[in-house]
């Protein structure tokens, strides 16, 4: 049914379409006032067009509807939900709506995929115990999953090409798993994933440092939402390992999100508030340039993706050791860059005390 050469040509065509559409979206952004003005919180030094995600959205669904050998039963609910997300993002990029309004848009889109695309968690397999039906918990667990992943990508969108590149790496990993390991579904899911990768790749040359257009909330929310529902495709009957894999794939944005919440709670600041202490801000404060910071986070995202691939081929004991090592590594990284605060380094302080005792 699937001719790999034809699919490859379609993916290339999708990337080229995105490359062609993006300059027109730049002009549209200025026409409708979707422009980021420089301020103390932003890194741009001049007015920048946003809504870049519209180019990815248009090229992606054009490819799925007109070029890819997929059924509309799969694509149509995704299109409706993604359109809600993109409209929410455009409104925010033009008028900067309140966080609760953005959450409402994500919730509405999540309801579409839950009820009409049947994308949801329904069962959990616990090692040495067996299957556990989620029942009524299926709904809140699925909605929280979509909200968390969508906002994680949106939160990391702070430097040129950062959210776009991290999403490309995460989606490529999911596509590889979908094709070779069938972790996230089947070949059709892999096609859906790689088509989105192609659309994002076509946009990246305009978005990478120095960017000529921003992804905007339109694009960050869209990519985050698509990552969330794609990861859910293989999680209807979920094991603890398959639950961990997409979380590890998105290790950087999820780590940034978790520790941003912790940082704001410890500093008694609103969780929905903004600050300049995210992963990319901390790396730049350590002396890395804009481009170096983005490339370093790309490398970290690739490391997380490789670890996720190891989970796919590891035994339960191996996965346990991977999780312990990953947890220690993440905590050390967080403390070294001062993600929660330069004064809050419990693990490093403990290590120093141990070495001090040894050297006596």
C-alpha atoms as a PDB file:
ATOM      1  CA  UNK A   1       0.000   0.000   0.000  1.00  0.00           C
ATOM      2  CA  UNK A   2       2.805   2.402   0.875  1.00  0.00           C
ATOM      3  CA  UNK A   3       5.467   3.150  -1.716  1.00  0.00           C
ATOM      4  CA  UNK A   4       8.440   4.432   0.298  1.00  0.00           C
ATOM      5  CA  UNK A   5       9.908   6.392  -2.628  1.00  0.00           C
ATOM      6  CA  UNK A   6       6.613   8.190  -3.255  1.00  0.00           C
ATOM      7  CA  UNK A   7       6.242   8.997   0.434  1.00  0.00           C
ATOM      8  CA  UNK A   8       9.808  10.370   0.510  1.00  0.00           C
ATOM      9  CA  UNK A   9       9.014  12.605  -2.485  1.00  0.00           C
ATOM     10  CA  UNK A  10       5.849  13.810  -0.737  1.00  0.00           C
ATOM     11  CA  UNK A  11       7.817  14.631   2.404  1.00  0.00           C
ATOM     12  CA  UNK A  12      10.301  16.659   0.350  1.00  0.00           C
ATOM     13  CA  UNK A  13       7.375  18.415  -1.343  1.00  0.00           C
ATOM     14  CA  UNK A  14       5.911  19.219   2.086  1.00  0.00           C
ATOM     15  CA  UNK A  15       9.185  20.820   3.224  1.00  0.00           C
ATOM     16  CA  UNK A  16       9.395  22.850  -0.004  1.00  0.00           C
ATOM     17  CA  UNK A  17       5.771  23.965   0.400  1.00  0.00           C
ATOM     18  CA  UNK A  18       6.529  25.184   3.920  1.00  0.00           C
ATOM     19  CA  UNK A  19       9.608  26.975   2.603  1.00  0.00           C
ATOM     20  CA  UNK A  20       7.475  28.747  -0.027  1.00  0.00           C
ATOM     21  CA  UNK A  21       4.541  29.621   2.258  1.00  0.00           C
ATOM     22  CA  UNK A  22       6.572  31.149   5.112  1.00  0.00           C
ATOM     23  CA  UNK A  23       7.469  34.492   3.397  1.00  0.00           C
ATOM     24  CA  UNK A  24       3.766  35.103   2.758  1.00  0.00           C
ATOM     25  CA  UNK A  25       2.995  34.394   6.419  1.00  0.00           C
ATOM     26  CA  UNK A  26       5.631  36.984   7.382  1.00  0.00           C
ATOM     27  CA  UNK A  27       3.749  39.623   5.364  1.00  0.00           C
ATOM     28  CA  UNK A  28       0.432  38.500   6.833  1.00  0.00           C
ATOM     29  CA  UNK A  29       1.837  38.841  10.366  1.00  0.00           C
ATOM     30  CA  UNK A  30       2.633  42.529   9.818  1.00  0.00           C
ATOM     31  CA  UNK A  31      -0.781  43.123   8.216  1.00  0.00           C
ATOM     32  CA  UNK A  32      -2.750  41.741  11.180  1.00  0.00           C
ATOM     33  CA  UNK A  33      -0.411  43.081  13.864  1.00  0.00           C
ATOM     34  CA  UNK A  34       1.037  39.739  14.957  1.00  0.00           C
ATOM     35  CA  UNK A  35       4.382  41.305  15.838  1.00  0.00           C
ATOM     36  CA  UNK A  36       6.652  40.876  18.861  1.00  0.00           C
ATOM     37  CA  UNK A  37       8.046  44.192  20.043  1.00  0.00           C
ATOM     38  CA  UNK A  38      11.353  44.187  21.997  1.00  0.00           C
ATOM     39  CA  UNK A  39      11.026  44.371  25.779  1.00  0.00           C
ATOM     40  CA  UNK A  40      12.885  43.354  28.947  1.00  0.00           C
ATOM     41  CA  UNK A  41      11.604  39.750  28.809  1.00  0.00           C
ATOM     42  CA  UNK A  42      12.263  39.068  25.109  1.00  0.00           C
ATOM     43  CA  UNK A  43      15.616  38.530  23.388  1.00  0.00           C
ATOM     44  CA  UNK A  44      14.716  40.157  20.046  1.00  0.00           C
ATOM     45  CA  UNK A  45      16.139  43.630  19.422  1.00  0.00           C
ATOM     46  CA  UNK A  46      13.636  44.645  16.724  1.00  0.00           C
ATOM     47  CA  UNK A  47       9.985  44.082  15.865  1.00  0.00           C
ATOM     48  CA  UNK A  48       9.539  40.481  14.666  1.00  0.00           C
ATOM     49  CA  UNK A  49       6.597  38.880  12.864  1.00  0.00           C
ATOM     50  CA  UNK A  50       5.051  35.948  14.702  1.00  0.00           C
ATOM     51  CA  UNK A  51       2.374  33.373  13.690  1.00  0.00           C
ATOM     52  CA  UNK A  52       5.136  31.437  11.888  1.00  0.00           C
ATOM     53  CA  UNK A  53       3.355  28.285  12.979  1.00  0.00           C
ATOM     54  CA  UNK A  54       0.638  29.016  10.404  1.00  0.00           C
ATOM     55  CA  UNK A  55       3.117  28.081   7.655  1.00  0.00           C
ATOM     56  CA  UNK A  56       3.767  24.704   9.325  1.00  0.00           C
ATOM     57  CA  UNK A  57       0.042  24.143   9.891  1.00  0.00           C
ATOM     58  CA  UNK A  58      -0.952  24.959   6.290  1.00  0.00           C
ATOM     59  CA  UNK A  59       1.798  22.939   4.614  1.00  0.00           C
ATOM     60  CA  UNK A  60       1.232  20.005   6.991  1.00  0.00           C
ATOM     61  CA  UNK A  61      -2.489  19.599   6.428  1.00  0.00           C
ATOM     62  CA  UNK A  62      -2.208  20.375   2.720  1.00  0.00           C
ATOM     63  CA  UNK A  63       0.151  17.410   2.502  1.00  0.00           C
ATOM     64  CA  UNK A  64      -2.049  15.133   4.611  1.00  0.00           C
ATOM     65  CA  UNK A  65      -5.248  15.921   2.719  1.00  0.00           C
ATOM     66  CA  UNK A  66      -3.932  16.078  -0.833  1.00  0.00           C
ATOM     67  CA  UNK A  67      -0.629  14.211  -1.034  1.00  0.00           C
ATOM     68  CA  UNK A  68      -0.467  11.451   1.574  1.00  0.00           C
ATOM     69  CA  UNK A  69      -2.245   8.070   1.182  1.00  0.00           C
ATOM     70  CA  UNK A  70      -4.173   8.443   4.460  1.00  0.00           C
ATOM     71  CA  UNK A  71      -7.852   8.152   5.310  1.00  0.00           C
ATOM     72  CA  UNK A  72      -9.735  11.291   6.349  1.00  0.00           C
ATOM     73  CA  UNK A  73     -10.992   9.378   9.414  1.00  0.00           C
ATOM     74  CA  UNK A  74      -7.518   9.797  10.875  1.00  0.00           C
ATOM     75  CA  UNK A  75      -6.745  13.292   9.607  1.00  0.00           C
ATOM     76  CA  UNK A  76     -10.073  15.151   9.896  1.00  0.00           C
ATOM     77  CA  UNK A  77     -10.432  15.157  13.730  1.00  0.00           C
ATOM     78  CA  UNK A  78      -6.750  16.146  14.002  1.00  0.00           C
ATOM     79  CA  UNK A  79      -7.375  18.994  11.551  1.00  0.00           C
ATOM     80  CA  UNK A  80     -10.389  20.310  13.478  1.00  0.00           C
ATOM     81  CA  UNK A  81      -8.539  20.167  16.815  1.00  0.00           C
ATOM     82  CA  UNK A  82      -5.355  21.699  15.357  1.00  0.00           C
ATOM     83  CA  UNK A  83      -7.393  24.507  13.798  1.00  0.00           C
ATOM     84  CA  UNK A  84      -8.786  25.387  17.232  1.00  0.00           C
ATOM     85  CA  UNK A  85      -5.227  25.486  18.580  1.00  0.00           C
ATOM     86  CA  UNK A  86      -3.958  27.648  15.702  1.00  0.00           C
ATOM     87  CA  UNK A  87      -6.859  30.119  16.016  1.00  0.00           C
ATOM     88  CA  UNK A  88      -6.153  30.365  19.767  1.00  0.00           C
ATOM     89  CA  UNK A  89      -2.477  30.992  19.021  1.00  0.00           C
ATOM     90  CA  UNK A  90      -3.173  33.647  16.385  1.00  0.00           C
ATOM     91  CA  UNK A  91      -5.461  35.542  18.774  1.00  0.00           C
ATOM     92  CA  UNK A  92      -2.757  35.391  21.452  1.00  0.00           C
ATOM     93  CA  UNK A  93      -0.032  36.537  19.042  1.00  0.00           C
ATOM     94  CA  UNK A  94      -2.152  39.526  18.014  1.00  0.00           C
ATOM     95  CA  UNK A  95      -3.808  40.491  21.319  1.00  0.00           C
ATOM     96  CA  UNK A  96      -1.869  38.536  24.008  1.00  0.00           C
ATOM     97  CA  UNK A  97      -4.778  36.847  25.755  1.00  0.00           C
ATOM     98  CA  UNK A  98      -4.736  35.610  29.373  1.00  0.00           C
ATOM     99  CA  UNK A  99      -3.297  32.136  30.181  1.00  0.00           C
ATOM    100  CA  UNK A 100      -6.767  30.863  31.149  1.00  0.00           C
ATOM    101  CA  UNK A 101      -8.053  31.694  27.649  1.00  0.00           C
ATOM    102  CA  UNK A 102      -5.202  29.721  26.067  1.00  0.00           C
ATOM    103  CA  UNK A 103      -5.927  26.784  28.351  1.00  0.00           C
ATOM    104  CA  UNK A 104      -9.588  26.953  27.309  1.00  0.00           C
ATOM    105  CA  UNK A 105      -8.539  26.694  23.640  1.00  0.00           C
ATOM    106  CA  UNK A 106      -6.308  23.698  24.361  1.00  0.00           C
ATOM    107  CA  UNK A 107      -9.085  22.023  26.368  1.00  0.00           C
ATOM    108  CA  UNK A 108     -11.574  22.455  23.523  1.00  0.00           C
ATOM    109  CA  UNK A 109      -9.115  20.925  21.054  1.00  0.00           C
ATOM    110  CA  UNK A 110      -8.382  18.099  23.515  1.00  0.00           C
ATOM    111  CA  UNK A 111     -12.101  17.309  23.737  1.00  0.00           C
ATOM    112  CA  UNK A 112     -12.241  16.965  19.943  1.00  0.00           C
ATOM    113  CA  UNK A 113      -9.441  14.380  19.806  1.00  0.00           C
ATOM    114  CA  UNK A 114     -10.731  12.569  22.903  1.00  0.00           C
ATOM    115  CA  UNK A 115     -14.293  12.117  21.699  1.00  0.00           C
ATOM    116  CA  UNK A 116     -13.990  12.178  17.902  1.00  0.00           C
ATOM    117  CA  UNK A 117     -10.525  10.772  17.238  1.00  0.00           C
ATOM    118  CA  UNK A 118     -10.643   8.332  20.161  1.00  0.00           C
ATOM    119  CA  UNK A 119      -7.140   9.400  21.218  1.00  0.00           C
ATOM    120  CA  UNK A 120      -6.989   8.587  24.914  1.00  0.00           C
ATOM    121  CA  UNK A 121      -5.388   6.439  27.612  1.00  0.00           C
ATOM    122  CA  UNK A 122      -7.692   3.612  28.660  1.00  0.00           C
ATOM    123  CA  UNK A 123      -5.556   0.986  30.390  1.00  0.00           C
ATOM    124  CA  UNK A 124      -2.315   0.749  32.394  1.00  0.00           C
ATOM    125  CA  UNK A 125      -0.107  -2.328  32.669  1.00  0.00           C
ATOM    126  CA  UNK A 126       1.772  -2.495  35.973  1.00  0.00           C
ATOM    127  CA  UNK A 127       4.790  -4.860  36.189  1.00  0.00           C
ATOM    128  CA  UNK A 128       4.171  -7.977  38.335  1.00  0.00           C
ATOM    129  CA  UNK A 129       0.524  -6.969  38.733  1.00  0.00           C
ATOM    130  CA  UNK A 130      -1.224  -6.844  35.371  1.00  0.00           C
ATOM    131  CA  UNK A 131      -3.792  -4.679  33.620  1.00  0.00           C
ATOM    132  CA  UNK A 132      -5.620  -1.834  35.326  1.00  0.00           C
ATOM    133  CA  UNK A 133      -8.601  -0.260  33.551  1.00  0.00           C
ATOM    134  CA  UNK A 134      -8.463   3.526  33.940  1.00  0.00           C
ATOM    135  CA  UNK A 135     -12.237   3.867  33.592  1.00  0.00           C
ATOM    136  CA  UNK A 136     -13.384   7.395  34.418  1.00  0.00           C
ATOM    137  CA  UNK A 137      -9.737   8.380  35.041  1.00  0.00           C
ATOM    138  CA  UNK A 138      -9.105   8.028  31.298  1.00  0.00           C
ATOM    139  CA  UNK A 139     -10.591  11.474  30.667  1.00  0.00           C
ATOM    140  CA  UNK A 140      -8.639  13.580  33.221  1.00  0.00           C
ATOM    141  CA  UNK A 141      -5.391  11.686  32.591  1.00  0.00           C
ATOM    142  CA  UNK A 142      -5.657  12.249  28.824  1.00  0.00           C
ATOM    143  CA  UNK A 143      -6.571  15.934  29.185  1.00  0.00           C
ATOM    144  CA  UNK A 144      -3.740  16.589  31.654  1.00  0.00           C
ATOM    145  CA  UNK A 145      -1.306  14.818  29.309  1.00  0.00           C
ATOM    146  CA  UNK A 146      -2.325  17.052  26.375  1.00  0.00           C
ATOM    147  CA  UNK A 147      -2.203  20.231  28.477  1.00  0.00           C
ATOM    148  CA  UNK A 148       1.207  19.366  29.934  1.00  0.00           C
ATOM    149  CA  UNK A 149       2.895  18.512  26.633  1.00  0.00           C
ATOM    150  CA  UNK A 150       1.371  21.454  24.768  1.00  0.00           C
ATOM    151  CA  UNK A 151       2.453  23.951  27.391  1.00  0.00           C
ATOM    152  CA  UNK A 152       5.915  22.370  27.735  1.00  0.00           C
ATOM    153  CA  UNK A 153       6.740  23.167  24.090  1.00  0.00           C
ATOM    154  CA  UNK A 154       5.177  26.614  24.395  1.00  0.00           C
ATOM    155  CA  UNK A 155       7.253  27.373  27.489  1.00  0.00           C
ATOM    156  CA  UNK A 156      10.586  26.568  25.837  1.00  0.00           C
ATOM    157  CA  UNK A 157       9.902  28.832  22.859  1.00  0.00           C
ATOM    158  CA  UNK A 158      12.274  31.588  23.965  1.00  0.00           C
ATOM    159  CA  UNK A 159      15.112  31.626  21.414  1.00  0.00           C
ATOM    160  CA  UNK A 160      15.305  31.570  17.624  1.00  0.00           C
ATOM    161  CA  UNK A 161      14.610  28.071  16.335  1.00  0.00           C
ATOM    162  CA  UNK A 162      14.572  26.486  19.802  1.00  0.00           C
ATOM    163  CA  UNK A 163      11.025  25.117  20.023  1.00  0.00           C
ATOM    164  CA  UNK A 164      11.002  24.250  16.313  1.00  0.00           C
ATOM    165  CA  UNK A 165      14.266  22.296  16.507  1.00  0.00           C
ATOM    166  CA  UNK A 166      13.397  20.496  19.748  1.00  0.00           C
ATOM    167  CA  UNK A 167      10.012  19.513  18.267  1.00  0.00           C
ATOM    168  CA  UNK A 168      11.700  18.204  15.100  1.00  0.00           C
ATOM    169  CA  UNK A 169      14.045  16.037  17.205  1.00  0.00           C
ATOM    170  CA  UNK A 170      11.185  14.736  19.390  1.00  0.00           C
ATOM    171  CA  UNK A 171       8.887  14.028  16.442  1.00  0.00           C
ATOM    172  CA  UNK A 172      11.659  12.314  14.474  1.00  0.00           C
ATOM    173  CA  UNK A 173      12.268  10.011  17.441  1.00  0.00           C
ATOM    174  CA  UNK A 174       8.559   9.223  17.660  1.00  0.00           C
ATOM    175  CA  UNK A 175       8.461   8.606  13.915  1.00  0.00           C
ATOM    176  CA  UNK A 176      11.392   6.181  14.127  1.00  0.00           C
ATOM    177  CA  UNK A 177       9.704   4.325  16.963  1.00  0.00           C
ATOM    178  CA  UNK A 178       6.415   4.282  15.094  1.00  0.00           C
ATOM    179  CA  UNK A 179       8.048   2.830  11.994  1.00  0.00           C
ATOM    180  CA  UNK A 180      10.537   0.376  13.483  1.00  0.00           C
ATOM    181  CA  UNK A 181       9.153  -0.452  16.927  1.00  0.00           C
ATOM    182  CA  UNK A 182       5.462   0.399  16.427  1.00  0.00           C
ATOM    183  CA  UNK A 183       5.574   2.058  19.860  1.00  0.00           C
ATOM    184  CA  UNK A 184       3.281   4.867  18.760  1.00  0.00           C
ATOM    185  CA  UNK A 185       0.934   3.008  16.458  1.00  0.00           C
ATOM    186  CA  UNK A 186       1.631   1.911  12.880  1.00  0.00           C
ATOM    187  CA  UNK A 187       3.023   3.012   9.532  1.00  0.00           C
ATOM    188  CA  UNK A 188       0.221   5.544   9.051  1.00  0.00           C
ATOM    189  CA  UNK A 189       1.161   7.210  12.331  1.00  0.00           C
ATOM    190  CA  UNK A 190       4.796   7.286  11.212  1.00  0.00           C
ATOM    191  CA  UNK A 191       3.709   9.037   7.986  1.00  0.00           C
ATOM    192  CA  UNK A 192       1.681  11.573   9.989  1.00  0.00           C
ATOM    193  CA  UNK A 193       4.718  12.237  12.197  1.00  0.00           C
ATOM    194  CA  UNK A 194       7.300  12.576   9.424  1.00  0.00           C
ATOM    195  CA  UNK A 195       5.004  14.862   7.422  1.00  0.00           C
ATOM    196  CA  UNK A 196       4.940  17.244  10.388  1.00  0.00           C
ATOM    197  CA  UNK A 197       8.728  16.954  10.662  1.00  0.00           C
ATOM    198  CA  UNK A 198       9.023  17.889   6.968  1.00  0.00           C
ATOM    199  CA  UNK A 199       6.734  20.919   7.411  1.00  0.00           C
ATOM    200  CA  UNK A 200       8.766  22.103  10.428  1.00  0.00           C
ATOM    201  CA  UNK A 201      12.073  21.580   8.564  1.00  0.00           C
ATOM    202  CA  UNK A 202      10.824  23.808   5.736  1.00  0.00           C
ATOM    203  CA  UNK A 203      10.087  26.549   8.260  1.00  0.00           C
ATOM    204  CA  UNK A 204      13.322  26.227  10.282  1.00  0.00           C
ATOM    205  CA  UNK A 205      15.635  28.194   7.903  1.00  0.00           C
ATOM    206  CA  UNK A 206      13.509  31.316   8.543  1.00  0.00           C
ATOM    207  CA  UNK A 207      13.283  30.621  12.279  1.00  0.00           C
ATOM    208  CA  UNK A 208      16.874  29.664  13.143  1.00  0.00           C
ATOM    209  CA  UNK A 209      19.209  32.352  14.496  1.00  0.00           C
ATOM    210  CA  UNK A 210      19.093  35.072  13.313  1.00  0.00           C
ATOM    211  CA  UNK A 211      15.377  34.507  12.762  1.00  0.00           C
ATOM    212  CA  UNK A 212      13.282  36.524  10.334  1.00  0.00           C
ATOM    213  CA  UNK A 213      10.006  35.194  11.775  1.00  0.00           C
ATOM    214  CA  UNK A 214       9.041  33.702  15.120  1.00  0.00           C
ATOM    215  CA  UNK A 215       7.120  30.495  15.649  1.00  0.00           C
ATOM    216  CA  UNK A 216       4.796  32.449  17.928  1.00  0.00           C
ATOM    217  CA  UNK A 217       2.258  30.980  20.315  1.00  0.00           C
ATOM    218  CA  UNK A 218       0.479  29.861  17.152  1.00  0.00           C
ATOM    219  CA  UNK A 219       3.312  27.518  16.229  1.00  0.00           C
ATOM    220  CA  UNK A 220       4.480  26.557  19.718  1.00  0.00           C
ATOM    221  CA  UNK A 221       0.975  25.560  20.792  1.00  0.00           C
ATOM    222  CA  UNK A 222       0.376  23.749  17.491  1.00  0.00           C
ATOM    223  CA  UNK A 223       3.620  21.745  17.668  1.00  0.00           C
ATOM    224  CA  UNK A 224       3.140  20.988  21.359  1.00  0.00           C
ATOM    225  CA  UNK A 225      -0.435  19.853  20.778  1.00  0.00           C
ATOM    226  CA  UNK A 226       0.544  17.632  17.856  1.00  0.00           C
ATOM    227  CA  UNK A 227       3.385  16.081  19.868  1.00  0.00           C
ATOM    228  CA  UNK A 228       0.945  15.367  22.709  1.00  0.00           C
ATOM    229  CA  UNK A 229      -1.682  13.620  20.579  1.00  0.00           C
ATOM    230  CA  UNK A 230       0.910  11.740  18.503  1.00  0.00           C
ATOM    231  CA  UNK A 231       2.494  10.404  21.706  1.00  0.00           C
ATOM    232  CA  UNK A 232      -0.969   9.326  22.863  1.00  0.00           C
ATOM    233  CA  UNK A 233      -1.502   7.215  19.733  1.00  0.00           C
ATOM    234  CA  UNK A 234       0.439   4.353  21.308  1.00  0.00           C
ATOM    235  CA  UNK A 235      -0.788   4.861  24.860  1.00  0.00           C
ATOM    236  CA  UNK A 236      -4.303   3.400  24.810  1.00  0.00           C
ATOM    237  CA  UNK A 237      -3.034   0.253  26.510  1.00  0.00           C
ATOM    238  CA  UNK A 238      -0.051   1.771  28.253  1.00  0.00           C
ATOM    239  CA  UNK A 239       2.775   0.131  30.175  1.00  0.00           C
ATOM    240  CA  UNK A 240       4.941   2.076  32.602  1.00  0.00           C
ATOM    241  CA  UNK A 241       7.787   1.960  30.064  1.00  0.00           C
ATOM    242  CA  UNK A 242       5.719   3.215  27.122  1.00  0.00           C
ATOM    243  CA  UNK A 243       4.401   5.955  29.430  1.00  0.00           C
ATOM    244  CA  UNK A 244       7.954   7.036  30.266  1.00  0.00           C
ATOM    245  CA  UNK A 245       9.234   7.056  26.657  1.00  0.00           C
ATOM    246  CA  UNK A 246       7.431  10.205  25.349  1.00  0.00           C
ATOM    247  CA  UNK A 247       8.241  11.992  28.620  1.00  0.00           C
ATOM    248  CA  UNK A 248      11.942  11.218  28.105  1.00  0.00           C
ATOM    249  CA  UNK A 249      11.778  12.232  24.430  1.00  0.00           C
ATOM    250  CA  UNK A 250      10.561  15.651  25.555  1.00  0.00           C
ATOM    251  CA  UNK A 251      13.029  15.698  28.444  1.00  0.00           C
ATOM    252  CA  UNK A 252      14.231  19.264  27.903  1.00  0.00           C
ATOM    253  CA  UNK A 253      10.864  21.091  27.727  1.00  0.00           C
ATOM    254  CA  UNK A 254       9.369  18.902  30.460  1.00  0.00           C
ATOM    255  CA  UNK A 255      12.371  19.466  32.762  1.00  0.00           C
ATOM    256  CA  UNK A 256      12.145  23.188  32.075  1.00  0.00           C
ATOM    257  CA  UNK A 257       8.408  23.193  32.834  1.00  0.00           C
ATOM    258  CA  UNK A 258       8.649  21.182  36.069  1.00  0.00           C
ATOM    259  CA  UNK A 259      11.494  23.240  37.488  1.00  0.00           C
ATOM    260  CA  UNK A 260       9.901  26.520  36.374  1.00  0.00           C
ATOM    261  CA  UNK A 261       6.832  25.599  38.439  1.00  0.00           C
ATOM    262  CA  UNK A 262       9.053  24.589  41.387  1.00  0.00           C
ATOM    263  CA  UNK A 263      11.129  27.770  41.072  1.00  0.00           C
ATOM    264  CA  UNK A 264       8.053  30.004  41.074  1.00  0.00           C
ATOM    265  CA  UNK A 265       6.482  28.138  44.005  1.00  0.00           C
ATOM    266  CA  UNK A 266       9.677  28.467  46.052  1.00  0.00           C
ATOM    267  CA  UNK A 267       9.917  32.165  45.179  1.00  0.00           C
ATOM    268  CA  UNK A 268       6.187  32.641  45.857  1.00  0.00           C
ATOM    269  CA  UNK A 269       5.499  33.852  42.336  1.00  0.00           C
ATOM    270  CA  UNK A 270       2.465  33.077  40.137  1.00  0.00           C
ATOM    271  CA  UNK A 271       2.939  29.769  38.301  1.00  0.00           C
ATOM    272  CA  UNK A 272       1.589  31.312  35.088  1.00  0.00           C
ATOM    273  CA  UNK A 273       3.938  34.285  35.365  1.00  0.00           C
ATOM    274  CA  UNK A 274       6.978  34.805  33.148  1.00  0.00           C
ATOM    275  CA  UNK A 275      10.623  35.048  34.129  1.00  0.00           C
ATOM    276  CA  UNK A 276      14.092  34.863  32.559  1.00  0.00           C
ATOM    277  CA  UNK A 277      15.334  31.752  34.337  1.00  0.00           C
ATOM    278  CA  UNK A 278      14.428  29.037  31.859  1.00  0.00           C
ATOM    279  CA  UNK A 279      17.047  26.578  30.583  1.00  0.00           C
ATOM    280  CA  UNK A 280      18.002  28.809  27.646  1.00  0.00           C
ATOM    281  CA  UNK A 281      18.232  31.916  29.838  1.00  0.00           C
ATOM    282  CA  UNK A 282      20.464  30.140  32.354  1.00  0.00           C
ATOM    283  CA  UNK A 283      22.800  28.855  29.636  1.00  0.00           C
ATOM    284  CA  UNK A 284      23.111  32.341  28.156  1.00  0.00           C
ATOM    285  CA  UNK A 285      23.830  33.725  31.636  1.00  0.00           C
ATOM    286  CA  UNK A 286      26.722  31.253  31.823  1.00  0.00           C
ATOM    287  CA  UNK A 287      28.272  32.935  28.787  1.00  0.00           C
ATOM    288  CA  UNK A 288      26.966  30.948  25.827  1.00  0.00           C
ATOM    289  CA  UNK A 289      25.883  32.879  22.752  1.00  0.00           C
ATOM    290  CA  UNK A 290      22.362  32.741  21.332  1.00  0.00           C
ATOM    291  CA  UNK A 291      23.349  30.244  18.628  1.00  0.00           C
ATOM    292  CA  UNK A 292      25.522  28.157  20.982  1.00  0.00           C
ATOM    293  CA  UNK A 293      22.678  27.901  23.496  1.00  0.00           C
ATOM    294  CA  UNK A 294      20.220  26.672  20.868  1.00  0.00           C
ATOM    295  CA  UNK A 295      22.701  24.129  19.486  1.00  0.00           C
ATOM    296  CA  UNK A 296      23.541  22.906  22.993  1.00  0.00           C
ATOM    297  CA  UNK A 297      19.845  22.340  23.770  1.00  0.00           C
ATOM    298  CA  UNK A 298      19.484  20.513  20.438  1.00  0.00           C
ATOM    299  CA  UNK A 299      22.313  18.203  21.558  1.00  0.00           C
ATOM    300  CA  UNK A 300      20.646  17.649  24.927  1.00  0.00           C
ATOM    301  CA  UNK A 301      17.351  16.867  23.153  1.00  0.00           C
ATOM    302  CA  UNK A 302      19.153  14.295  20.977  1.00  0.00           C
ATOM    303  CA  UNK A 303      20.649  12.684  24.101  1.00  0.00           C
ATOM    304  CA  UNK A 304      17.180  12.387  25.644  1.00  0.00           C
ATOM    305  CA  UNK A 305      15.902  10.870  22.394  1.00  0.00           C
ATOM    306  CA  UNK A 306      18.688   8.286  22.330  1.00  0.00           C
ATOM    307  CA  UNK A 307      17.889   7.356  25.928  1.00  0.00           C
ATOM    308  CA  UNK A 308      14.229   6.972  24.929  1.00  0.00           C
ATOM    309  CA  UNK A 309      15.285   4.601  22.143  1.00  0.00           C
ATOM    310  CA  UNK A 310      17.235   2.560  24.720  1.00  0.00           C
ATOM    311  CA  UNK A 311      14.052   2.205  26.760  1.00  0.00           C
ATOM    312  CA  UNK A 312      12.439   0.537  23.726  1.00  0.00           C
ATOM    313  CA  UNK A 313      14.990  -2.287  23.725  1.00  0.00           C
ATOM    314  CA  UNK A 314      15.748  -2.555  27.464  1.00  0.00           C
ATOM    315  CA  UNK A 315      14.478  -5.068  29.990  1.00  0.00           C
ATOM    316  CA  UNK A 316      12.552  -3.917  33.052  1.00  0.00           C
ATOM    317  CA  UNK A 317      15.740  -3.943  35.173  1.00  0.00           C
ATOM    318  CA  UNK A 318      17.631  -2.081  32.448  1.00  0.00           C
ATOM    319  CA  UNK A 319      14.863   0.521  32.253  1.00  0.00           C
ATOM    320  CA  UNK A 320      15.025   0.932  36.029  1.00  0.00           C
ATOM    321  CA  UNK A 321      18.770   1.664  35.911  1.00  0.00           C
ATOM    322  CA  UNK A 322      18.222   4.017  32.954  1.00  0.00           C
ATOM    323  CA  UNK A 323      15.604   5.930  34.969  1.00  0.00           C
ATOM    324  CA  UNK A 324      17.846   6.227  38.042  1.00  0.00           C
ATOM    325  CA  UNK A 325      20.804   7.405  35.953  1.00  0.00           C
ATOM    326  CA  UNK A 326      18.623   9.834  34.020  1.00  0.00           C
ATOM    327  CA  UNK A 327      17.151  11.278  37.211  1.00  0.00           C
ATOM    328  CA  UNK A 328      20.605  11.880  38.710  1.00  0.00           C
ATOM    329  CA  UNK A 329      21.877  13.372  35.459  1.00  0.00           C
ATOM    330  CA  UNK A 330      18.924  15.759  35.153  1.00  0.00           C
ATOM    331  CA  UNK A 331      19.265  16.895  38.777  1.00  0.00           C
ATOM    332  CA  UNK A 332      22.995  17.572  38.336  1.00  0.00           C
ATOM    333  CA  UNK A 333      22.344  19.533  35.137  1.00  0.00           C
ATOM    334  CA  UNK A 334      19.593  21.572  36.813  1.00  0.00           C
ATOM    335  CA  UNK A 335      21.817  22.418  39.769  1.00  0.00           C
ATOM    336  CA  UNK A 336      24.885  23.230  37.664  1.00  0.00           C
ATOM    337  CA  UNK A 337      23.022  25.795  35.542  1.00  0.00           C
ATOM    338  CA  UNK A 338      21.004  27.085  38.527  1.00  0.00           C
ATOM    339  CA  UNK A 339      17.580  26.383  37.050  1.00  0.00           C
ATOM    340  CA  UNK A 340      15.809  26.603  40.421  1.00  0.00           C
ATOM    341  CA  UNK A 341      18.296  29.081  41.855  1.00  0.00           C
ATOM    342  CA  UNK A 342      22.065  29.264  42.180  1.00  0.00           C
ATOM    343  CA  UNK A 343      21.736  28.833  45.947  1.00  0.00           C
ATOM    344  CA  UNK A 344      19.595  25.676  45.702  1.00  0.00           C
ATOM    345  CA  UNK A 345      21.980  22.802  44.931  1.00  0.00           C
ATOM    346  CA  UNK A 346      21.167  19.958  47.368  1.00  0.00           C
ATOM    347  CA  UNK A 347      22.783  17.114  45.392  1.00  0.00           C
ATOM    348  CA  UNK A 348      25.973  19.055  44.594  1.00  0.00           C
ATOM    349  CA  UNK A 349      26.221  20.188  48.218  1.00  0.00           C
ATOM    350  CA  UNK A 350      25.843  16.570  49.363  1.00  0.00           C
ATOM    351  CA  UNK A 351      28.559  15.438  46.932  1.00  0.00           C
ATOM    352  CA  UNK A 352      30.886  18.188  48.181  1.00  0.00           C
ATOM    353  CA  UNK A 353      30.358  17.083  51.784  1.00  0.00           C
ATOM    354  CA  UNK A 354      31.130  13.465  50.894  1.00  0.00           C
ATOM    355  CA  UNK A 355      34.370  14.436  49.122  1.00  0.00           C
ATOM    356  CA  UNK A 356      35.312  16.730  52.006  1.00  0.00           C
ATOM    357  CA  UNK A 357      35.020  13.781  54.421  1.00  0.00           C
ATOM    358  CA  UNK A 358      37.043  11.550  52.105  1.00  0.00           C
ATOM    359  CA  UNK A 359      39.850  14.153  51.838  1.00  0.00           C
ATOM    360  CA  UNK A 360      40.216  14.545  55.625  1.00  0.00           C
END
